[in-house]
Amino acid sequence: MSRTITVEGMSCEHCERTVEEALEDVDGVARARADRAAGEVKIEGAADPDRLVAAVEDTGYGASVPA
């Protein structure tokens, strides 16, 4: 299963890596790939969307799950 979440505030490669690492620490996430230009992260796995948003917000970035 894959899903995309929107992330606000990523401006560099370090930002992308920080978000990816935070998401990859969430149970159920197999892989996360951030794209700062698109303002989103593609996630492979079956993690709870609320936990994904919380993990990103814990790093200081805004996040939401598109409807």
N, C-alpha and C. Protein backbone atom coordinates (compact mmCIF):
# COMPACT_ATOMS: atom_id res chain seq x y z
N MET A 1 0.84 -1.17 0.00
CA MET A 1 0.00 0.00 0.00
C MET A 1 0.89 1.24 0.00
N SER A 2 0.48 2.23 -0.73
CA SER A 2 1.23 3.48 -0.71
C SER A 2 0.27 4.64 -0.50
N ARG A 3 0.82 5.71 0.02
CA ARG A 3 0.02 6.91 0.26
C ARG A 3 0.94 8.11 0.15
N THR A 4 0.36 9.27 -0.08
CA THR A 4 1.11 10.51 -0.16
C THR A 4 0.57 11.45 0.90
N ILE A 5 1.48 12.10 1.63
CA ILE A 5 1.05 13.14 2.56
C ILE A 5 1.71 14.45 2.15
N THR A 6 1.04 15.52 2.46
CA THR A 6 1.53 16.86 2.16
C THR A 6 2.36 17.35 3.34
N VAL A 7 3.53 17.94 3.03
CA VAL A 7 4.41 18.45 4.08
C VAL A 7 4.77 19.89 3.74
N GLU A 8 4.63 20.77 4.71
CA GLU A 8 4.95 22.18 4.53
C GLU A 8 6.25 22.51 5.25
N GLY A 9 7.10 23.29 4.60
CA GLY A 9 8.29 23.82 5.25
C GLY A 9 9.60 23.18 4.85
N MET A 10 9.58 22.13 4.03
CA MET A 10 10.84 21.53 3.59
C MET A 10 11.49 22.45 2.56
N SER A 11 12.75 22.82 2.80
CA SER A 11 13.41 23.75 1.88
C SER A 11 14.77 23.26 1.38
N CYS A 12 15.21 22.11 1.87
CA CYS A 12 16.53 21.62 1.45
C CYS A 12 16.59 20.10 1.56
N GLU A 13 17.70 19.55 1.12
CA GLU A 13 17.88 18.10 1.17
C GLU A 13 17.87 17.59 2.61
N HIS A 14 18.45 18.36 3.51
CA HIS A 14 18.46 17.96 4.93
C HIS A 14 17.03 17.87 5.46
N CYS A 15 16.18 18.81 5.08
CA CYS A 15 14.78 18.78 5.49
C CYS A 15 14.11 17.49 5.01
N GLU A 16 14.34 17.16 3.75
CA GLU A 16 13.76 15.94 3.19
C GLU A 16 14.20 14.72 3.99
N ARG A 17 15.47 14.63 4.26
CA ARG A 17 16.01 13.46 4.97
C ARG A 17 15.46 13.38 6.40
N THR A 18 15.31 14.53 7.05
CA THR A 18 14.76 14.56 8.41
C THR A 18 13.34 13.99 8.42
N VAL A 19 12.53 14.41 7.46
CA VAL A 19 11.15 13.93 7.37
C VAL A 19 11.13 12.44 7.01
N GLU A 20 11.94 12.04 6.07
CA GLU A 20 12.00 10.62 5.69
C GLU A 20 12.37 9.74 6.88
N GLU A 21 13.38 10.14 7.61
CA GLU A 21 13.82 9.35 8.77
C GLU A 21 12.74 9.26 9.84
N ALA A 22 12.06 10.36 10.08
CA ALA A 22 10.98 10.35 11.08
C ALA A 22 9.87 9.40 10.65
N LEU A 23 9.52 9.43 9.38
CA LEU A 23 8.45 8.57 8.90
C LEU A 23 8.88 7.11 8.87
N GLU A 24 10.11 6.84 8.52
CA GLU A 24 10.57 5.46 8.47
C GLU A 24 10.67 4.83 9.85
N ASP A 25 10.64 5.64 10.91
CA ASP A 25 10.62 5.13 12.28
C ASP A 25 9.21 4.74 12.74
N VAL A 26 8.18 5.10 11.97
CA VAL A 26 6.80 4.78 12.32
C VAL A 26 6.52 3.32 11.95
N ASP A 27 5.92 2.58 12.88
CA ASP A 27 5.55 1.18 12.60
C ASP A 27 4.66 1.13 11.37
N GLY A 28 4.99 0.22 10.47
CA GLY A 28 4.19 0.03 9.27
C GLY A 28 4.72 0.75 8.04
N VAL A 29 5.73 1.61 8.20
CA VAL A 29 6.31 2.31 7.07
C VAL A 29 7.52 1.53 6.56
N ALA A 30 7.46 1.14 5.30
CA ALA A 30 8.57 0.42 4.69
C ALA A 30 9.57 1.38 4.05
N ARG A 31 9.04 2.48 3.50
CA ARG A 31 9.89 3.44 2.80
C ARG A 31 9.18 4.79 2.72
N ALA A 32 9.95 5.86 2.84
CA ALA A 32 9.40 7.22 2.68
C ALA A 32 10.35 8.01 1.78
N ARG A 33 9.81 8.70 0.81
CA ARG A 33 10.61 9.51 -0.10
C ARG A 33 10.00 10.90 -0.20
N ALA A 34 10.72 11.89 0.31
CA ALA A 34 10.25 13.27 0.32
C ALA A 34 10.65 14.01 -0.95
N ASP A 35 9.79 14.93 -1.35
CA ASP A 35 10.04 15.79 -2.51
C ASP A 35 9.70 17.21 -2.10
N ARG A 36 10.71 17.98 -1.75
CA ARG A 36 10.47 19.34 -1.24
C ARG A 36 9.82 20.23 -2.29
N ALA A 37 10.17 20.05 -3.56
CA ALA A 37 9.59 20.89 -4.63
C ALA A 37 8.09 20.66 -4.74
N ALA A 38 7.66 19.42 -4.57
CA ALA A 38 6.24 19.09 -4.64
C ALA A 38 5.54 19.29 -3.29
N GLY A 39 6.33 19.38 -2.23
CA GLY A 39 5.76 19.54 -0.89
C GLY A 39 5.02 18.31 -0.41
N GLU A 40 5.59 17.14 -0.75
CA GLU A 40 4.92 15.91 -0.36
C GLU A 40 5.91 14.80 -0.08
N VAL A 41 5.39 13.75 0.54
CA VAL A 41 6.19 12.55 0.82
C VAL A 41 5.37 11.35 0.37
N LYS A 42 5.99 10.49 -0.39
CA LYS A 42 5.36 9.24 -0.80
C LYS A 42 5.81 8.16 0.16
N ILE A 43 4.84 7.44 0.70
CA ILE A 43 5.11 6.46 1.74
C ILE A 43 4.61 5.10 1.29
N GLU A 44 5.45 4.10 1.47
CA GLU A 44 5.06 2.71 1.21
C GLU A 44 4.90 2.03 2.55
N GLY A 45 3.76 1.38 2.73
CA GLY A 45 3.48 0.70 3.97
C GLY A 45 2.04 0.92 4.38
N ALA A 46 1.68 0.40 5.53
CA ALA A 46 0.30 0.46 5.99
C ALA A 46 0.17 1.16 7.33
N ALA A 47 0.90 2.23 7.53
CA ALA A 47 0.86 2.95 8.80
C ALA A 47 -0.41 3.80 8.92
N ASP A 48 -0.80 4.05 10.13
CA ASP A 48 -1.95 4.90 10.44
C ASP A 48 -1.64 6.33 10.00
N PRO A 49 -2.52 6.94 9.19
CA PRO A 49 -2.27 8.30 8.70
C PRO A 49 -2.05 9.33 9.82
N ASP A 50 -2.77 9.18 10.92
CA ASP A 50 -2.60 10.12 12.04
C ASP A 50 -1.19 10.01 12.64
N ARG A 51 -0.64 8.81 12.67
CA ARG A 51 0.72 8.63 13.18
C ARG A 51 1.74 9.23 12.23
N LEU A 52 1.46 9.16 10.92
CA LEU A 52 2.36 9.76 9.93
C LEU A 52 2.41 11.27 10.12
N VAL A 53 1.25 11.88 10.24
CA VAL A 53 1.17 13.33 10.43
C VAL A 53 1.88 13.73 11.72
N ALA A 54 1.64 12.99 12.79
CA ALA A 54 2.26 13.30 14.08
C ALA A 54 3.78 13.19 14.00
N ALA A 55 4.29 12.18 13.28
CA ALA A 55 5.74 12.02 13.16
C ALA A 55 6.36 13.20 12.45
N VAL A 56 5.71 13.68 11.40
CA VAL A 56 6.23 14.84 10.66
C VAL A 56 6.15 16.10 11.53
N GLU A 57 5.02 16.30 12.18
CA GLU A 57 4.86 17.48 13.03
C GLU A 57 5.86 17.50 14.18
N ASP A 58 6.23 16.33 14.67
CA ASP A 58 7.24 16.25 15.74
C ASP A 58 8.61 16.76 15.27
N THR A 59 8.85 16.77 13.97
CA THR A 59 10.13 17.28 13.45
C THR A 59 10.07 18.79 13.19
N GLY A 60 8.88 19.38 13.36
CA GLY A 60 8.74 20.83 13.19
C GLY A 60 8.13 21.27 11.88
N TYR A 61 7.71 20.34 11.07
CA TYR A 61 7.09 20.67 9.78
C TYR A 61 5.59 20.45 9.88
N GLY A 62 4.84 21.13 9.02
CA GLY A 62 3.40 20.92 8.96
C GLY A 62 3.10 19.74 8.06
N ALA A 63 2.05 19.00 8.35
CA ALA A 63 1.70 17.84 7.53
C ALA A 63 0.19 17.63 7.52
N SER A 64 -0.28 17.04 6.42
CA SER A 64 -1.68 16.68 6.32
C SER A 64 -1.82 15.55 5.31
N VAL A 65 -2.93 14.83 5.45
CA VAL A 65 -3.24 13.75 4.53
C VAL A 65 -4.27 14.28 3.55
N PRO A 66 -3.92 14.34 2.26
CA PRO A 66 -4.90 14.83 1.28
C PRO A 66 -6.16 13.97 1.28
N ALA A 67 -7.28 14.62 1.08
CA ALA A 67 -8.57 13.90 1.07
C ALA A 67 -8.70 13.01 -0.14
